Amino acid sequence: MIAAFQQAQARGQIPPTIDIEAVSLITSLLADGLTVRRALQADFDAERDVTAALRVIGRLLRGDINFAPAPDALSPSAKATP
């Protein structure tokens, strides 16, 4: 997936500022979540949920969603706020 996104970025289809590795990870996480929900949720609506996931991925690839964590958010000393 990373290679495909990098090729699209090289062709100018994805802005150069997009973190392709992060988008790839988020895409995989969304797909995993959809797979689990399909297996466990009797009323899973594939058309609705896949469409929503694709919209999120599209917005990530366009740069419409800023998903970069705060600089200290990933440090071991970062504390969750209630």
C-alpha atoms as a PDB file:
ATOM      1  CA  MET A   1       0.000   0.000   0.000  1.00  0.00           C
ATOM      2  CA  ILE A   2       2.828   2.377   0.849  1.00  0.00           C
ATOM      3  CA  ALA A   3       4.367   1.842  -2.590  1.00  0.00           C
ATOM      4  CA  ALA A   4       1.052   2.584  -4.325  1.00  0.00           C
ATOM      5  CA  PHE A   5       0.583   5.774  -2.318  1.00  0.00           C
ATOM      6  CA  GLN A   6       4.200   6.801  -3.012  1.00  0.00           C
ATOM      7  CA  GLN A   7       3.682   6.275  -6.742  1.00  0.00           C
ATOM      8  CA  ALA A   8       0.527   8.391  -6.633  1.00  0.00           C
ATOM      9  CA  GLN A   9       2.443  11.040  -4.707  1.00  0.00           C
ATOM     10  CA  ALA A  10       5.241  10.981  -7.316  1.00  0.00           C
ATOM     11  CA  ARG A  11       2.593  11.528 -10.037  1.00  0.00           C
ATOM     12  CA  GLY A  12       1.241  14.516  -8.134  1.00  0.00           C
ATOM     13  CA  GLN A  13      -2.033  12.822  -7.196  1.00  0.00           C
ATOM     14  CA  ILE A  14      -1.267  13.082  -3.475  1.00  0.00           C
ATOM     15  CA  PRO A  15       0.250  16.268  -2.039  1.00  0.00           C
ATOM     16  CA  PRO A  16       3.938  15.972  -1.107  1.00  0.00           C
ATOM     17  CA  THR A  17       3.186  17.024   2.468  1.00  0.00           C
ATOM     18  CA  ILE A  18       1.109  13.907   3.186  1.00  0.00           C
ATOM     19  CA  ASP A  19       2.698  11.331   5.498  1.00  0.00           C
ATOM     20  CA  ILE A  20       2.182   8.253   3.340  1.00  0.00           C
ATOM     21  CA  GLU A  21       3.257   5.808   6.047  1.00  0.00           C
ATOM     22  CA  ALA A  22       0.746   7.271   8.503  1.00  0.00           C
ATOM     23  CA  VAL A  23      -2.063   7.194   5.940  1.00  0.00           C
ATOM     24  CA  SER A  24      -1.184   3.580   5.134  1.00  0.00           C
ATOM     25  CA  LEU A  25      -1.349   2.660   8.815  1.00  0.00           C
ATOM     26  CA  ILE A  26      -4.682   4.427   9.293  1.00  0.00           C
ATOM     27  CA  THR A  27      -6.055   2.759   6.156  1.00  0.00           C
ATOM     28  CA  SER A  28      -5.041  -0.653   7.494  1.00  0.00           C
ATOM     29  CA  LEU A  29      -6.576   0.117  10.879  1.00  0.00           C
ATOM     30  CA  LEU A  30      -9.851   1.150   9.250  1.00  0.00           C
ATOM     31  CA  ALA A  31      -9.894  -2.020   7.143  1.00  0.00           C
ATOM     32  CA  ASP A  32      -9.180  -4.163  10.207  1.00  0.00           C
ATOM     33  CA  GLY A  33     -11.993  -2.484  12.099  1.00  0.00           C
ATOM     34  CA  LEU A  34     -14.426  -3.011   9.243  1.00  0.00           C
ATOM     35  CA  THR A  35     -13.465  -6.679   9.062  1.00  0.00           C
ATOM     36  CA  VAL A  36     -14.044  -7.177  12.779  1.00  0.00           C
ATOM     37  CA  ARG A  37     -17.353  -5.344  12.705  1.00  0.00           C
ATOM     38  CA  ARG A  38     -18.491  -7.421   9.723  1.00  0.00           C
ATOM     39  CA  ALA A  39     -17.702 -10.593  11.646  1.00  0.00           C
ATOM     40  CA  LEU A  40     -19.288  -9.530  14.925  1.00  0.00           C
ATOM     41  CA  GLN A  41     -22.104  -7.145  14.109  1.00  0.00           C
ATOM     42  CA  ALA A  42     -25.254  -8.782  12.743  1.00  0.00           C
ATOM     43  CA  ASP A  43     -26.591  -5.528  11.298  1.00  0.00           C
ATOM     44  CA  PHE A  44     -23.291  -4.427   9.726  1.00  0.00           C
ATOM     45  CA  ASP A  45     -24.014  -2.155   6.762  1.00  0.00           C
ATOM     46  CA  ALA A  46     -21.047  -2.656   4.436  1.00  0.00           C
ATOM     47  CA  GLU A  47     -22.121  -0.054   1.894  1.00  0.00           C
ATOM     48  CA  ARG A  48     -22.530   2.672   4.515  1.00  0.00           C
ATOM     49  CA  ASP A  49     -19.431   1.836   6.541  1.00  0.00           C
ATOM     50  CA  VAL A  50     -17.039   1.213   3.649  1.00  0.00           C
ATOM     51  CA  THR A  51     -18.227   4.437   2.017  1.00  0.00           C
ATOM     52  CA  ALA A  52     -17.515   6.325   5.243  1.00  0.00           C
ATOM     53  CA  ALA A  53     -14.047   4.749   5.541  1.00  0.00           C
ATOM     54  CA  LEU A  54     -13.222   5.620   1.930  1.00  0.00           C
ATOM     55  CA  ARG A  55     -14.268   9.221   2.539  1.00  0.00           C
ATOM     56  CA  VAL A  56     -11.934   9.439   5.530  1.00  0.00           C
ATOM     57  CA  ILE A  57      -9.061   7.921   3.541  1.00  0.00           C
ATOM     58  CA  GLY A  58      -9.708  10.329   0.682  1.00  0.00           C
ATOM     59  CA  ARG A  59      -9.669  13.298   3.038  1.00  0.00           C
ATOM     60  CA  LEU A  60      -6.431  12.064   4.613  1.00  0.00           C
ATOM     61  CA  LEU A  61      -4.824  11.751   1.186  1.00  0.00           C
ATOM     62  CA  ARG A  62      -5.934  15.267   0.219  1.00  0.00           C
ATOM     63  CA  GLY A  63      -4.630  16.711   3.470  1.00  0.00           C
ATOM     64  CA  ASP A  64      -8.087  17.766   4.671  1.00  0.00           C
ATOM     65  CA  ILE A  65      -7.589  15.959   7.985  1.00  0.00           C
ATOM     66  CA  ASN A  66      -4.626  16.809  10.176  1.00  0.00           C
ATOM     67  CA  PHE A  67      -3.845  13.602  12.015  1.00  0.00           C
ATOM     68  CA  ALA A  68      -0.363  14.492  13.226  1.00  0.00           C
ATOM     69  CA  PRO A  69      -0.118  14.063  16.990  1.00  0.00           C
ATOM     70  CA  ALA A  70       1.127  16.844  19.213  1.00  0.00           C
ATOM     71  CA  PRO A  71       4.932  16.575  19.546  1.00  0.00           C
ATOM     72  CA  ASP A  72       4.752  15.202  23.089  1.00  0.00           C
ATOM     73  CA  ALA A  73       1.704  12.957  22.546  1.00  0.00           C
ATOM     74  CA  LEU A  74       3.783   9.897  21.762  1.00  0.00           C
ATOM     75  CA  SER A  75       6.351  10.321  24.512  1.00  0.00           C
ATOM     76  CA  PRO A  76       6.277   7.795  27.354  1.00  0.00           C
ATOM     77  CA  SER A  77       5.716  10.571  29.842  1.00  0.00           C
ATOM     78  CA  ALA A  78       2.582  11.854  28.098  1.00  0.00           C
ATOM     79  CA  LYS A  79      -0.436  11.453  30.331  1.00  0.00           C
ATOM     80  CA  ALA A  80      -3.999  10.941  29.229  1.00  0.00           C
ATOM     81  CA  THR A  81      -6.391  13.662  30.214  1.00  0.00           C
ATOM     82  CA  PRO A  82      -9.793  12.698  31.638  1.00  0.00           C
END
